[in-house]
């Protein structure tokens, strides 16, 4: 079972707080205009970086014949109870959302390259 934890983006100070720093904040602050909370997915990328809601993830894979034949650049979101990628850009991509279950076993490279708050330019 995945560990349940959160991190938070402070919209005024433009600073990310990890799960160790926000324990008290989660209990005492409910202002969604100042704090943007992101849940941990229970997954990590190939560099052992934890994947959180709002992270921007780039995954490339092999179609069975040649490496790097497809990629997805997307934001990590939860849809109908499943964590996955809402597609920003991709080669050989046919859907708007892929669950991590659908992508399991396919990746050639899996990297968190930023998040929607610290790197909004990656969503364009």
PDB file of N, CA and C in Angstrom:
ATOM      1  N   UNK A   1       0.836  -1.180   0.000  1.00  0.00           N
ATOM      2  CA  UNK A   1       0.000   0.000   0.000  1.00  0.00           C
ATOM      3  C   UNK A   1       0.880   1.242   0.000  1.00  0.00           C
ATOM      4  N   UNK A   2       0.523   2.201  -0.820  1.00  0.00           N
ATOM      5  CA  UNK A   2       1.322   3.418  -0.955  1.00  0.00           C
ATOM      6  C   UNK A   2       1.206   4.298   0.288  1.00  0.00           C
ATOM      7  N   UNK A   3       2.289   4.950   0.579  1.00  0.00           N
ATOM      8  CA  UNK A   3       2.315   5.900   1.688  1.00  0.00           C
ATOM      9  C   UNK A   3       1.477   7.118   1.309  1.00  0.00           C
ATOM     10  N   UNK A   4       0.628   7.585   2.214  1.00  0.00           N
ATOM     11  CA  UNK A   4      -0.191   8.769   1.953  1.00  0.00           C
ATOM     12  C   UNK A   4       0.550   9.980   2.495  1.00  0.00           C
ATOM     13  N   UNK A   5       0.907  10.883   1.584  1.00  0.00           N
ATOM     14  CA  UNK A   5       1.556  12.124   1.996  1.00  0.00           C
ATOM     15  C   UNK A   5       1.297  13.188   0.945  1.00  0.00           C
ATOM     16  N   UNK A   6       1.542  14.426   1.333  1.00  0.00           N
ATOM     17  CA  UNK A   6       1.277  15.569   0.478  1.00  0.00           C
ATOM     18  C   UNK A   6       2.473  16.513   0.493  1.00  0.00           C
ATOM     19  N   UNK A   7       2.516  17.377  -0.498  1.00  0.00           N
ATOM     20  CA  UNK A   7       3.395  18.535  -0.483  1.00  0.00           C
ATOM     21  C   UNK A   7       2.494  19.718  -0.821  1.00  0.00           C
ATOM     22  N   UNK A   8       2.990  20.945  -0.634  1.00  0.00           N
ATOM     23  CA  UNK A   8       2.140  22.111  -0.881  1.00  0.00           C
ATOM     24  C   UNK A   8       2.939  23.247  -1.507  1.00  0.00           C
ATOM     25  N   UNK A   9       2.291  23.933  -2.434  1.00  0.00           N
ATOM     26  CA  UNK A   9       2.843  25.123  -3.086  1.00  0.00           C
ATOM     27  C   UNK A   9       2.219  26.340  -2.414  1.00  0.00           C
ATOM     28  N   UNK A  10       3.067  27.249  -1.934  1.00  0.00           N
ATOM     29  CA  UNK A  10       2.582  28.490  -1.327  1.00  0.00           C
ATOM     30  C   UNK A  10       2.509  29.528  -2.432  1.00  0.00           C
ATOM     31  N   UNK A  11       1.295  29.952  -2.778  1.00  0.00           N
ATOM     32  CA  UNK A  11       1.099  30.818  -3.944  1.00  0.00           C
ATOM     33  C   UNK A  11       1.641  32.230  -3.760  1.00  0.00           C
ATOM     34  N   UNK A  12       1.758  32.692  -2.533  1.00  0.00           N
ATOM     35  CA  UNK A  12       2.265  34.045  -2.293  1.00  0.00           C
ATOM     36  C   UNK A  12       3.792  34.063  -2.303  1.00  0.00           C
ATOM     37  N   UNK A  13       4.412  33.135  -1.570  1.00  0.00           N
ATOM     38  CA  UNK A  13       5.875  33.075  -1.498  1.00  0.00           C
ATOM     39  C   UNK A  13       6.505  32.332  -2.673  1.00  0.00           C
ATOM     40  N   UNK A  14       5.664  31.672  -3.506  1.00  0.00           N
ATOM     41  CA  UNK A  14       6.150  30.898  -4.662  1.00  0.00           C
ATOM     42  C   UNK A  14       7.200  29.889  -4.219  1.00  0.00           C
ATOM     43  N   UNK A  15       6.816  29.075  -3.226  1.00  0.00           N
ATOM     44  CA  UNK A  15       7.739  28.099  -2.645  1.00  0.00           C
ATOM     45  C   UNK A  15       7.023  26.777  -2.411  1.00  0.00           C
ATOM     46  N   UNK A  16       7.724  25.682  -2.693  1.00  0.00           N
ATOM     47  CA  UNK A  16       7.193  24.343  -2.478  1.00  0.00           C
ATOM     48  C   UNK A  16       7.623  23.856  -1.097  1.00  0.00           C
ATOM     49  N   UNK A  17       6.684  23.270  -0.363  1.00  0.00           N
ATOM     50  CA  UNK A  17       6.955  22.685   0.942  1.00  0.00           C
ATOM     51  C   UNK A  17       6.726  21.182   0.841  1.00  0.00           C
ATOM     52  N   UNK A  18       7.691  20.381   1.290  1.00  0.00           N
ATOM     53  CA  UNK A  18       7.537  18.924   1.197  1.00  0.00           C
ATOM     54  C   UNK A  18       6.693  18.411   2.356  1.00  0.00           C
ATOM     55  N   UNK A  19       6.433  17.111   2.333  1.00  0.00           N
ATOM     56  CA  UNK A  19       5.531  16.513   3.319  1.00  0.00           C
ATOM     57  C   UNK A  19       6.019  16.669   4.756  1.00  0.00           C
ATOM     58  N   UNK A  20       7.320  16.758   4.954  1.00  0.00           N
ATOM     59  CA  UNK A  20       7.855  16.911   6.305  1.00  0.00           C
ATOM     60  C   UNK A  20       7.610  18.332   6.831  1.00  0.00           C
ATOM     61  N   UNK A  21       7.536  19.300   5.933  1.00  0.00           N
ATOM     62  CA  UNK A  21       7.379  20.694   6.331  1.00  0.00           C
ATOM     63  C   UNK A  21       5.923  21.113   6.512  1.00  0.00           C
ATOM     64  N   UNK A  22       4.976  20.384   5.929  1.00  0.00           N
ATOM     65  CA  UNK A  22       3.594  20.865   5.936  1.00  0.00           C
ATOM     66  C   UNK A  22       2.665  20.120   6.891  1.00  0.00           C
ATOM     67  N   UNK A  23       3.182  19.234   7.702  1.00  0.00           N
ATOM     68  CA  UNK A  23       2.329  18.484   8.613  1.00  0.00           C
ATOM     69  C   UNK A  23       1.401  19.347   9.438  1.00  0.00           C
ATOM     70  N   UNK A  24       1.907  20.397  10.038  1.00  0.00           N
ATOM     71  CA  UNK A  24       1.101  21.306  10.842  1.00  0.00           C
ATOM     72  C   UNK A  24       0.171  22.118   9.952  1.00  0.00           C
ATOM     73  N   UNK A  25       0.643  22.502   8.783  1.00  0.00           N
ATOM     74  CA  UNK A  25      -0.175  23.307   7.872  1.00  0.00           C
ATOM     75  C   UNK A  25      -1.426  22.573   7.429  1.00  0.00           C
ATOM     76  N   UNK A  26      -1.315  21.282   7.151  1.00  0.00           N
ATOM     77  CA  UNK A  26      -2.470  20.508   6.707  1.00  0.00           C
ATOM     78  C   UNK A  26      -3.573  20.482   7.758  1.00  0.00           C
ATOM     79  N   UNK A  27      -3.203  20.547   9.034  1.00  0.00           N
ATOM     80  CA  UNK A  27      -4.189  20.507  10.110  1.00  0.00           C
ATOM     81  C   UNK A  27      -4.798  21.875  10.384  1.00  0.00           C
ATOM     82  N   UNK A  28      -4.023  22.938  10.158  1.00  0.00           N
ATOM     83  CA  UNK A  28      -4.445  24.265  10.592  1.00  0.00           C
ATOM     84  C   UNK A  28      -4.834  25.233   9.478  1.00  0.00           C
ATOM     85  N   UNK A  29      -4.443  24.991   8.264  1.00  0.00           N
ATOM     86  CA  UNK A  29      -4.712  25.931   7.177  1.00  0.00           C
ATOM     87  C   UNK A  29      -5.653  25.288   6.169  1.00  0.00           C
ATOM     88  N   UNK A  30      -6.711  25.990   5.845  1.00  0.00           N
ATOM     89  CA  UNK A  30      -7.663  25.469   4.865  1.00  0.00           C
ATOM     90  C   UNK A  30      -7.882  26.464   3.730  1.00  0.00           C
ATOM     91  N   UNK A  31      -7.007  27.431   3.594  1.00  0.00           N
ATOM     92  CA  UNK A  31      -7.152  28.459   2.569  1.00  0.00           C
ATOM     93  C   UNK A  31      -6.582  27.949   1.244  1.00  0.00           C
ATOM     94  N   UNK A  32      -7.457  27.490   0.362  1.00  0.00           N
ATOM     95  CA  UNK A  32      -7.021  26.943  -0.923  1.00  0.00           C
ATOM     96  C   UNK A  32      -6.515  28.006  -1.881  1.00  0.00           C
ATOM     97  N   UNK A  33      -6.715  29.276  -1.547  1.00  0.00           N
ATOM     98  CA  UNK A  33      -6.200  30.344  -2.406  1.00  0.00           C
ATOM     99  C   UNK A  33      -4.710  30.569  -2.150  1.00  0.00           C
ATOM    100  N   UNK A  34      -4.254  30.253  -0.952  1.00  0.00           N
ATOM    101  CA  UNK A  34      -2.848  30.443  -0.598  1.00  0.00           C
ATOM    102  C   UNK A  34      -2.059  29.153  -0.784  1.00  0.00           C
ATOM    103  N   UNK A  35      -2.635  28.023  -0.407  1.00  0.00           N
ATOM    104  CA  UNK A  35      -1.948  26.732  -0.466  1.00  0.00           C
ATOM    105  C   UNK A  35      -2.556  25.835  -1.528  1.00  0.00           C
ATOM    106  N   UNK A  36      -1.722  25.227  -2.346  1.00  0.00           N
ATOM    107  CA  UNK A  36      -2.142  24.237  -3.343  1.00  0.00           C
ATOM    108  C   UNK A  36      -1.511  22.909  -2.949  1.00  0.00           C
ATOM    109  N   UNK A  37      -2.339  21.975  -2.499  1.00  0.00           N
ATOM    110  CA  UNK A  37      -1.848  20.681  -2.021  1.00  0.00           C
ATOM    111  C   UNK A  37      -1.782  19.675  -3.153  1.00  0.00           C
ATOM    112  N   UNK A  38      -0.739  18.836  -3.126  1.00  0.00           N
ATOM    113  CA  UNK A  38      -0.533  17.805  -4.132  1.00  0.00           C
ATOM    114  C   UNK A  38      -0.264  16.482  -3.431  1.00  0.00           C
ATOM    115  N   UNK A  39      -0.995  15.461  -3.816  1.00  0.00           N
ATOM    116  CA  UNK A  39      -0.877  14.144  -3.188  1.00  0.00           C
ATOM    117  C   UNK A  39       0.201  13.309  -3.863  1.00  0.00           C
ATOM    118  N   UNK A  40       0.907  12.526  -3.066  1.00  0.00           N
ATOM    119  CA  UNK A  40       1.901  11.569  -3.552  1.00  0.00           C
ATOM    120  C   UNK A  40       1.176  10.394  -4.201  1.00  0.00           C
ATOM    121  N   UNK A  41       1.644   9.948  -5.354  1.00  0.00           N
ATOM    122  CA  UNK A  41       1.000   8.859  -6.096  1.00  0.00           C
ATOM    123  C   UNK A  41       1.408   7.477  -5.609  1.00  0.00           C
ATOM    124  N   UNK A  42       2.503   7.399  -4.853  1.00  0.00           N
ATOM    125  CA  UNK A  42       3.033   6.096  -4.447  1.00  0.00           C
ATOM    126  C   UNK A  42       4.031   5.558  -5.454  1.00  0.00           C
ATOM    127  N   UNK A  43       4.317   6.333  -6.503  1.00  0.00           N
ATOM    128  CA  UNK A  43       5.234   5.915  -7.569  1.00  0.00           C
ATOM    129  C   UNK A  43       6.461   6.804  -7.609  1.00  0.00           C
ATOM    130  N   UNK A  44       7.515   6.294  -8.248  1.00  0.00           N
ATOM    131  CA  UNK A  44       8.754   7.061  -8.441  1.00  0.00           C
ATOM    132  C   UNK A  44       9.194   6.958  -9.886  1.00  0.00           C
ATOM    133  N   UNK A  45       9.962   7.958 -10.341  1.00  0.00           N
ATOM    134  CA  UNK A  45      10.499   7.894 -11.699  1.00  0.00           C
ATOM    135  C   UNK A  45      11.797   7.085 -11.687  1.00  0.00           C
ATOM    136  N   UNK A  46      12.452   6.992 -12.838  1.00  0.00           N
ATOM    137  CA  UNK A  46      13.657   6.155 -12.924  1.00  0.00           C
ATOM    138  C   UNK A  46      14.815   6.686 -12.093  1.00  0.00           C
ATOM    139  N   UNK A  47      14.784   7.955 -11.721  1.00  0.00           N
ATOM    140  CA  UNK A  47      15.814   8.534 -10.861  1.00  0.00           C
ATOM    141  C   UNK A  47      15.429   8.471  -9.388  1.00  0.00           C
ATOM    142  N   UNK A  48      14.379   7.705  -9.051  1.00  0.00           N
ATOM    143  CA  UNK A  48      13.892   7.513  -7.699  1.00  0.00           C
ATOM    144  C   UNK A  48      13.234   8.766  -7.117  1.00  0.00           C
ATOM    145  N   UNK A  49      12.811   9.693  -7.997  1.00  0.00           N
ATOM    146  CA  UNK A  49      12.106  10.903  -7.558  1.00  0.00           C
ATOM    147  C   UNK A  49      10.622  10.577  -7.416  1.00  0.00           C
ATOM    148  N   UNK A  50      10.044  10.958  -6.286  1.00  0.00           N
ATOM    149  CA  UNK A  50       8.637  10.680  -6.027  1.00  0.00           C
ATOM    150  C   UNK A  50       7.746  11.459  -6.989  1.00  0.00           C
ATOM    151  N   UNK A  51       6.667  10.798  -7.432  1.00  0.00           N
ATOM    152  CA  UNK A  51       5.706  11.421  -8.345  1.00  0.00           C
ATOM    153  C   UNK A  51       4.525  11.952  -7.547  1.00  0.00           C
ATOM    154  N   UNK A  52       4.279  13.259  -7.698  1.00  0.00           N
ATOM    155  CA  UNK A  52       3.164  13.916  -7.030  1.00  0.00           C
ATOM    156  C   UNK A  52       2.185  14.462  -8.055  1.00  0.00           C
ATOM    157  N   UNK A  53       0.948  14.598  -7.622  1.00  0.00           N
ATOM    158  CA  UNK A  53      -0.075  15.269  -8.403  1.00  0.00           C
ATOM    159  C   UNK A  53       0.475  16.637  -8.813  1.00  0.00           C
ATOM    160  N   UNK A  54       0.308  17.012 -10.069  1.00  0.00           N
ATOM    161  CA  UNK A  54       0.811  18.297 -10.548  1.00  0.00           C
ATOM    162  C   UNK A  54       2.214  18.248 -11.116  1.00  0.00           C
ATOM    163  N   UNK A  55       2.924  17.132 -10.934  1.00  0.00           N
ATOM    164  CA  UNK A  55       4.244  16.998 -11.549  1.00  0.00           C
ATOM    165  C   UNK A  55       4.091  16.865 -13.058  1.00  0.00           C
ATOM    166  N   UNK A  56       5.116  17.291 -13.764  1.00  0.00           N
ATOM    167  CA  UNK A  56       5.154  17.120 -15.215  1.00  0.00           C
ATOM    168  C   UNK A  56       6.117  15.991 -15.495  1.00  0.00           C
ATOM    169  N   UNK A  57       5.601  14.957 -16.136  1.00  0.00           N
ATOM    170  CA  UNK A  57       6.313  13.698 -16.338  1.00  0.00           C
ATOM    171  C   UNK A  57       6.515  13.467 -17.830  1.00  0.00           C
ATOM    172  N   UNK A  58       7.730  13.065 -18.203  1.00  0.00           N
ATOM    173  CA  UNK A  58       7.995  12.684 -19.593  1.00  0.00           C
ATOM    174  C   UNK A  58       8.366  11.215 -19.600  1.00  0.00           C
ATOM    175  N   UNK A  59       7.596  10.445 -20.351  1.00  0.00           N
ATOM    176  CA  UNK A  59       7.826   9.010 -20.452  1.00  0.00           C
ATOM    177  C   UNK A  59       8.003   8.664 -21.923  1.00  0.00           C
ATOM    178  N   UNK A  60       9.087   7.971 -22.249  1.00  0.00           N
ATOM    179  CA  UNK A  60       9.258   7.465 -23.614  1.00  0.00           C
ATOM    180  C   UNK A  60       9.319   5.951 -23.536  1.00  0.00           C
ATOM    181  N   UNK A  61       9.017   5.292 -24.640  1.00  0.00           N
ATOM    182  CA  UNK A  61       8.976   3.835 -24.619  1.00  0.00           C
ATOM    183  C   UNK A  61       9.321   3.249 -25.974  1.00  0.00           C
ATOM    184  N   UNK A  62       9.440   1.943 -25.967  1.00  0.00           N
ATOM    185  CA  UNK A  62       9.719   1.159 -27.170  1.00  0.00           C
ATOM    186  C   UNK A  62       8.428   0.485 -27.601  1.00  0.00           C
ATOM    187  N   UNK A  63       8.154   0.476 -28.902  1.00  0.00           N
ATOM    188  CA  UNK A  63       6.948  -0.191 -29.396  1.00  0.00           C
ATOM    189  C   UNK A  63       7.200  -1.662 -29.695  1.00  0.00           C
ATOM    190  N   UNK A  64       8.353  -2.166 -29.290  1.00  0.00           N
ATOM    191  CA  UNK A  64       8.690  -3.559 -29.548  1.00  0.00           C
ATOM    192  C   UNK A  64       9.713  -3.717 -30.654  1.00  0.00           C
ATOM    193  N   UNK A  65       9.904  -2.658 -31.432  1.00  0.00           N
ATOM    194  CA  UNK A  65      10.836  -2.726 -32.556  1.00  0.00           C
ATOM    195  C   UNK A  65      11.984  -1.737 -32.442  1.00  0.00           C
ATOM    196  N   UNK A  66      11.702  -0.527 -32.002  1.00  0.00           N
ATOM    197  CA  UNK A  66      12.780   0.458 -31.884  1.00  0.00           C
ATOM    198  C   UNK A  66      12.540   1.363 -30.687  1.00  0.00           C
ATOM    199  N   UNK A  67      13.629   1.737 -30.012  1.00  0.00           N
ATOM    200  CA  UNK A  67      13.544   2.571 -28.816  1.00  0.00           C
ATOM    201  C   UNK A  67      13.179   3.995 -29.176  1.00  0.00           C
ATOM    202  N   UNK A  68      12.454   4.630 -28.287  1.00  0.00           N
ATOM    203  CA  UNK A  68      12.107   6.033 -28.457  1.00  0.00           C
ATOM    204  C   UNK A  68      11.052   6.268 -29.520  1.00  0.00           C
ATOM    205  N   UNK A  69      10.229   5.263 -29.819  1.00  0.00           N
ATOM    206  CA  UNK A  69       9.227   5.425 -30.874  1.00  0.00           C
ATOM    207  C   UNK A  69       7.989   6.168 -30.394  1.00  0.00           C
ATOM    208  N   UNK A  70       7.878   6.415 -29.112  1.00  0.00           N
ATOM    209  CA  UNK A  70       6.752   7.166 -28.593  1.00  0.00           C
ATOM    210  C   UNK A  70       7.131   7.867 -27.314  1.00  0.00           C
ATOM    211  N   UNK A  71       6.417   8.943 -27.009  1.00  0.00           N
ATOM    212  CA  UNK A  71       6.627   9.605 -25.730  1.00  0.00           C
ATOM    213  C   UNK A  71       5.348  10.305 -25.323  1.00  0.00           C
ATOM    214  N   UNK A  72       5.230  10.509 -24.041  1.00  0.00           N
ATOM    215  CA  UNK A  72       4.143  11.298 -23.483  1.00  0.00           C
ATOM    216  C   UNK A  72       4.763  12.332 -22.554  1.00  0.00           C
ATOM    217  N   UNK A  73       4.357  13.568 -22.738  1.00  0.00           N
ATOM    218  CA  UNK A  73       4.660  14.628 -21.788  1.00  0.00           C
ATOM    219  C   UNK A  73       3.314  15.005 -21.204  1.00  0.00           C
ATOM    220  N   UNK A  74       3.177  14.869 -19.890  1.00  0.00           N
ATOM    221  CA  UNK A  74       1.880  15.146 -19.288  1.00  0.00           C
ATOM    222  C   UNK A  74       1.963  15.531 -17.834  1.00  0.00           C
ATOM    223  N   UNK A  75       0.858  16.043 -17.350  1.00  0.00           N
ATOM    224  CA  UNK A  75       0.752  16.374 -15.929  1.00  0.00           C
ATOM    225  C   UNK A  75       0.139  15.189 -15.200  1.00  0.00           C
ATOM    226  N   UNK A  76       0.666  14.916 -14.019  1.00  0.00           N
ATOM    227  CA  UNK A  76       0.159  13.808 -13.222  1.00  0.00           C
ATOM    228  C   UNK A  76      -1.137  14.244 -12.556  1.00  0.00           C
ATOM    229  N   UNK A  77      -2.172  13.465 -12.821  1.00  0.00           N
ATOM    230  CA  UNK A  77      -3.496  13.745 -12.271  1.00  0.00           C
ATOM    231  C   UNK A  77      -4.178  12.439 -11.901  1.00  0.00           C
ATOM    232  N   UNK A  78      -5.259  12.564 -11.165  1.00  0.00           N
ATOM    233  CA  UNK A  78      -6.063  11.400 -10.836  1.00  0.00           C
ATOM    234  C   UNK A  78      -7.401  11.534 -11.551  1.00  0.00           C
ATOM    235  N   UNK A  79      -7.771  10.498 -12.283  1.00  0.00           N
ATOM    236  CA  UNK A  79      -9.029  10.495 -13.016  1.00  0.00           C
ATOM    237  C   UNK A  79      -9.758   9.193 -12.717  1.00  0.00           C
ATOM    238  N   UNK A  80     -10.976   9.301 -12.240  1.00  0.00           N
ATOM    239  CA  UNK A  80     -11.791   8.138 -11.885  1.00  0.00           C
ATOM    240  C   UNK A  80     -11.032   7.151 -10.992  1.00  0.00           C
ATOM    241  N   UNK A  81     -10.292   7.689 -10.026  1.00  0.00           N
ATOM    242  CA  UNK A  81      -9.609   6.860  -9.048  1.00  0.00           C
ATOM    243  C   UNK A  81      -8.269   6.300  -9.474  1.00  0.00           C
ATOM    244  N   UNK A  82      -7.802   6.639 -10.670  1.00  0.00           N
ATOM    245  CA  UNK A  82      -6.514   6.116 -11.164  1.00  0.00           C
ATOM    246  C   UNK A  82      -5.546   7.261 -11.429  1.00  0.00           C
ATOM    247  N   UNK A  83      -4.291   7.078 -11.001  1.00  0.00           N
ATOM    248  CA  UNK A  83      -3.245   8.059 -11.293  1.00  0.00           C
ATOM    249  C   UNK A  83      -2.758   7.843 -12.713  1.00  0.00           C
ATOM    250  N   UNK A  84      -2.465   8.954 -13.384  1.00  0.00           N
ATOM    251  CA  UNK A  84      -1.951   8.852 -14.739  1.00  0.00           C
ATOM    252  C   UNK A  84      -1.502  10.195 -15.268  1.00  0.00           C
ATOM    253  N   UNK A  85      -1.333  10.264 -16.595  1.00  0.00           N
ATOM    254  CA  UNK A  85      -0.860  11.483 -17.246  1.00  0.00           C
ATOM    255  C   UNK A  85      -1.937  12.085 -18.126  1.00  0.00           C
ATOM    256  N   UNK A  86      -2.225  13.361 -17.877  1.00  0.00           N
ATOM    257  CA  UNK A  86      -3.052  14.145 -18.785  1.00  0.00           C
ATOM    258  C   UNK A  86      -2.080  14.679 -19.837  1.00  0.00           C
ATOM    259  N   UNK A  87      -2.286  14.302 -21.072  1.00  0.00           N
ATOM    260  CA  UNK A  87      -1.317  14.563 -22.142  1.00  0.00           C
ATOM    261  C   UNK A  87      -1.213  16.055 -22.463  1.00  0.00           C
ATOM    262  N   UNK A  88       0.028  16.566 -22.455  1.00  0.00           N
ATOM    263  CA  UNK A  88       0.355  17.905 -22.935  1.00  0.00           C
ATOM    264  C   UNK A  88       0.844  17.779 -24.369  1.00  0.00           C
ATOM    265  N   UNK A  89       1.730  16.803 -24.591  1.00  0.00           N
ATOM    266  CA  UNK A  89       2.327  16.580 -25.900  1.00  0.00           C
ATOM    267  C   UNK A  89       2.727  15.113 -25.984  1.00  0.00           C
ATOM    268  N   UNK A  90       2.800  14.603 -27.191  1.00  0.00           N
ATOM    269  CA  UNK A  90       3.219  13.219 -27.322  1.00  0.00           C
ATOM    270  C   UNK A  90       3.343  12.784 -28.759  1.00  0.00           C
ATOM    271  N   UNK A  91       4.226  11.829 -28.985  1.00  0.00           N
ATOM    272  CA  UNK A  91       4.413  11.228 -30.303  1.00  0.00           C
ATOM    273  C   UNK A  91       3.739   9.860 -30.284  1.00  0.00           C
ATOM    274  N   UNK A  92       2.960   9.574 -31.293  1.00  0.00           N
ATOM    275  CA  UNK A  92       2.209   8.316 -31.407  1.00  0.00           C
ATOM    276  C   UNK A  92       1.184   8.167 -30.284  1.00  0.00           C
ATOM    277  N   UNK A  93       0.582   9.284 -29.870  1.00  0.00           N
ATOM    278  CA  UNK A  93      -0.384   9.285 -28.777  1.00  0.00           C
ATOM    279  C   UNK A  93      -1.788   9.450 -29.349  1.00  0.00           C
ATOM    280  N   UNK A  94      -2.706   8.650 -28.845  1.00  0.00           N
ATOM    281  CA  UNK A  94      -4.069   8.665 -29.363  1.00  0.00           C
ATOM    282  C   UNK A  94      -5.112   9.123 -28.344  1.00  0.00           C
ATOM    283  N   UNK A  95      -4.746   9.220 -27.076  1.00  0.00           N
ATOM    284  CA  UNK A  95      -5.715   9.569 -26.032  1.00  0.00           C
ATOM    285  C   UNK A  95      -5.279  10.835 -25.302  1.00  0.00           C
ATOM    286  N   UNK A  96      -6.210  11.416 -24.517  1.00  0.00           N
ATOM    287  CA  UNK A  96      -5.909  12.603 -23.709  1.00  0.00           C
ATOM    288  C   UNK A  96      -5.375  12.262 -22.330  1.00  0.00           C
ATOM    289  N   UNK A  97      -5.615  11.022 -21.867  1.00  0.00           N
ATOM    290  CA  UNK A  97      -5.214  10.606 -20.523  1.00  0.00           C
ATOM    291  C   UNK A  97      -4.795   9.145 -20.565  1.00  0.00           C
ATOM    292  N   UNK A  98      -3.642   8.835 -19.977  1.00  0.00           N
ATOM    293  CA  UNK A  98      -3.158   7.463 -19.847  1.00  0.00           C
ATOM    294  C   UNK A  98      -2.932   7.171 -18.380  1.00  0.00           C
ATOM    295  N   UNK A  99      -3.479   6.062 -17.869  1.00  0.00           N
ATOM    296  CA  UNK A  99      -3.201   5.674 -16.491  1.00  0.00           C
ATOM    297  C   UNK A  99      -1.786   5.097 -16.432  1.00  0.00           C
ATOM    298  N   UNK A 100      -1.182   5.142 -15.244  1.00  0.00           N
ATOM    299  CA  UNK A 100       0.143   4.534 -15.092  1.00  0.00           C
ATOM    300  C   UNK A 100       0.060   3.019 -15.288  1.00  0.00           C
ATOM    301  N   UNK A 101      -1.090   2.441 -15.005  1.00  0.00           N
ATOM    302  CA  UNK A 101      -1.283   1.013 -15.253  1.00  0.00           C
ATOM    303  C   UNK A 101      -1.130   0.714 -16.751  1.00  0.00           C
ATOM    304  N   UNK A 102      -1.694   1.569 -17.606  1.00  0.00           N
ATOM    305  CA  UNK A 102      -1.574   1.388 -19.059  1.00  0.00           C
ATOM    306  C   UNK A 102      -0.133   1.520 -19.528  1.00  0.00           C
ATOM    307  N   UNK A 103       0.635   2.346 -18.844  1.00  0.00           N
ATOM    308  CA  UNK A 103       2.022   2.609 -19.243  1.00  0.00           C
ATOM    309  C   UNK A 103       3.015   1.660 -18.587  1.00  0.00           C
ATOM    310  N   UNK A 104       2.576   0.892 -17.595  1.00  0.00           N
ATOM    311  CA  UNK A 104       3.452  -0.003 -16.840  1.00  0.00           C
ATOM    312  C   UNK A 104       4.141  -1.006 -17.765  1.00  0.00           C
ATOM    313  N   UNK A 105       5.455  -1.107 -17.623  1.00  0.00           N
ATOM    314  CA  UNK A 105       6.224  -2.073 -18.404  1.00  0.00           C
ATOM    315  C   UNK A 105       6.653  -1.568 -19.760  1.00  0.00           C
ATOM    316  N   UNK A 106       6.147  -0.417 -20.179  1.00  0.00           N
ATOM    317  CA  UNK A 106       6.485   0.108 -21.494  1.00  0.00           C
ATOM    318  C   UNK A 106       7.626   1.129 -21.485  1.00  0.00           C
ATOM    319  N   UNK A 107       7.835   1.844 -20.386  1.00  0.00           N
ATOM    320  CA  UNK A 107       8.784   2.957 -20.463  1.00  0.00           C
ATOM    321  C   UNK A 107      10.232   2.564 -20.749  1.00  0.00           C
ATOM    322  N   UNK A 108      10.840   3.373 -21.593  1.00  0.00           N
ATOM    323  CA  UNK A 108      12.271   3.330 -21.844  1.00  0.00           C
ATOM    324  C   UNK A 108      12.923   4.367 -20.927  1.00  0.00           C
ATOM    325  N   UNK A 109      12.261   5.481 -20.755  1.00  0.00           N
ATOM    326  CA  UNK A 109      12.741   6.552 -19.880  1.00  0.00           C
ATOM    327  C   UNK A 109      11.523   7.170 -19.205  1.00  0.00           C
ATOM    328  N   UNK A 110      11.641   7.438 -17.914  1.00  0.00           N
ATOM    329  CA  UNK A 110      10.540   7.982 -17.128  1.00  0.00           C
ATOM    330  C   UNK A 110      11.129   9.028 -16.200  1.00  0.00           C
ATOM    331  N   UNK A 111      10.852  10.309 -16.485  1.00  0.00           N
ATOM    332  CA  UNK A 111      11.465  11.382 -15.706  1.00  0.00           C
ATOM    333  C   UNK A 111      10.456  12.451 -15.316  1.00  0.00           C
ATOM    334  N   UNK A 112      10.539  12.885 -14.075  1.00  0.00           N
ATOM    335  CA  UNK A 112       9.819  14.076 -13.631  1.00  0.00           C
ATOM    336  C   UNK A 112      10.689  15.252 -14.060  1.00  0.00           C
ATOM    337  N   UNK A 113      10.118  16.175 -14.838  1.00  0.00           N
ATOM    338  CA  UNK A 113      10.928  17.293 -15.340  1.00  0.00           C
ATOM    339  C   UNK A 113      10.510  18.632 -14.739  1.00  0.00           C
ATOM    340  N   UNK A 114       9.520  18.623 -13.859  1.00  0.00           N
ATOM    341  CA  UNK A 114       9.070  19.849 -13.217  1.00  0.00           C
ATOM    342  C   UNK A 114       7.689  19.644 -12.628  1.00  0.00           C
ATOM    343  N   UNK A 115       7.033  20.770 -12.323  1.00  0.00           N
ATOM    344  CA  UNK A 115       5.649  20.710 -11.854  1.00  0.00           C
ATOM    345  C   UNK A 115       4.902  21.945 -12.340  1.00  0.00           C
ATOM    346  N   UNK A 116       3.579  21.903 -12.226  1.00  0.00           N
ATOM    347  CA  UNK A 116       2.746  22.947 -12.819  1.00  0.00           C
ATOM    348  C   UNK A 116       2.911  24.309 -12.157  1.00  0.00           C
ATOM    349  N   UNK A 117       3.420  24.362 -10.939  1.00  0.00           N
ATOM    350  CA  UNK A 117       3.575  25.631 -10.243  1.00  0.00           C
ATOM    351  C   UNK A 117       4.956  26.244 -10.453  1.00  0.00           C
ATOM    352  N   UNK A 118       6.001  25.453 -10.332  1.00  0.00           N
ATOM    353  CA  UNK A 118       7.360  25.977 -10.486  1.00  0.00           C
ATOM    354  C   UNK A 118       7.767  26.107 -11.948  1.00  0.00           C
ATOM    355  N   UNK A 119       7.135  25.341 -12.839  1.00  0.00           N
ATOM    356  CA  UNK A 119       7.511  25.314 -14.251  1.00  0.00           C
ATOM    357  C   UNK A 119       6.289  25.419 -15.169  1.00  0.00           C
ATOM    358  N   UNK A 120       5.489  26.474 -15.072  1.00  0.00           N
ATOM    359  CA  UNK A 120       4.281  26.573 -15.881  1.00  0.00           C
ATOM    360  C   UNK A 120       4.569  26.590 -17.390  1.00  0.00           C
ATOM    361  N   UNK A 121       5.764  27.015 -17.769  1.00  0.00           N
ATOM    362  CA  UNK A 121       6.131  27.072 -19.184  1.00  0.00           C
ATOM    363  C   UNK A 121       6.180  25.690 -19.820  1.00  0.00           C
ATOM    364  N   UNK A 122       6.334  24.634 -19.045  1.00  0.00           N
ATOM    365  CA  UNK A 122       6.387  23.276 -19.591  1.00  0.00           C
ATOM    366  C   UNK A 122       5.015  22.778 -20.042  1.00  0.00           C
ATOM    367  N   UNK A 123       3.967  23.468 -19.665  1.00  0.00           N
ATOM    368  CA  UNK A 123       2.616  23.073 -20.055  1.00  0.00           C
ATOM    369  C   UNK A 123       2.201  23.643 -21.405  1.00  0.00           C
ATOM    370  N   UNK A 124       3.020  24.502 -21.974  1.00  0.00           N
ATOM    371  CA  UNK A 124       2.662  25.162 -23.245  1.00  0.00           C
ATOM    372  C   UNK A 124       3.077  24.358 -24.438  1.00  0.00           C
TER     373      UNK A 124
END
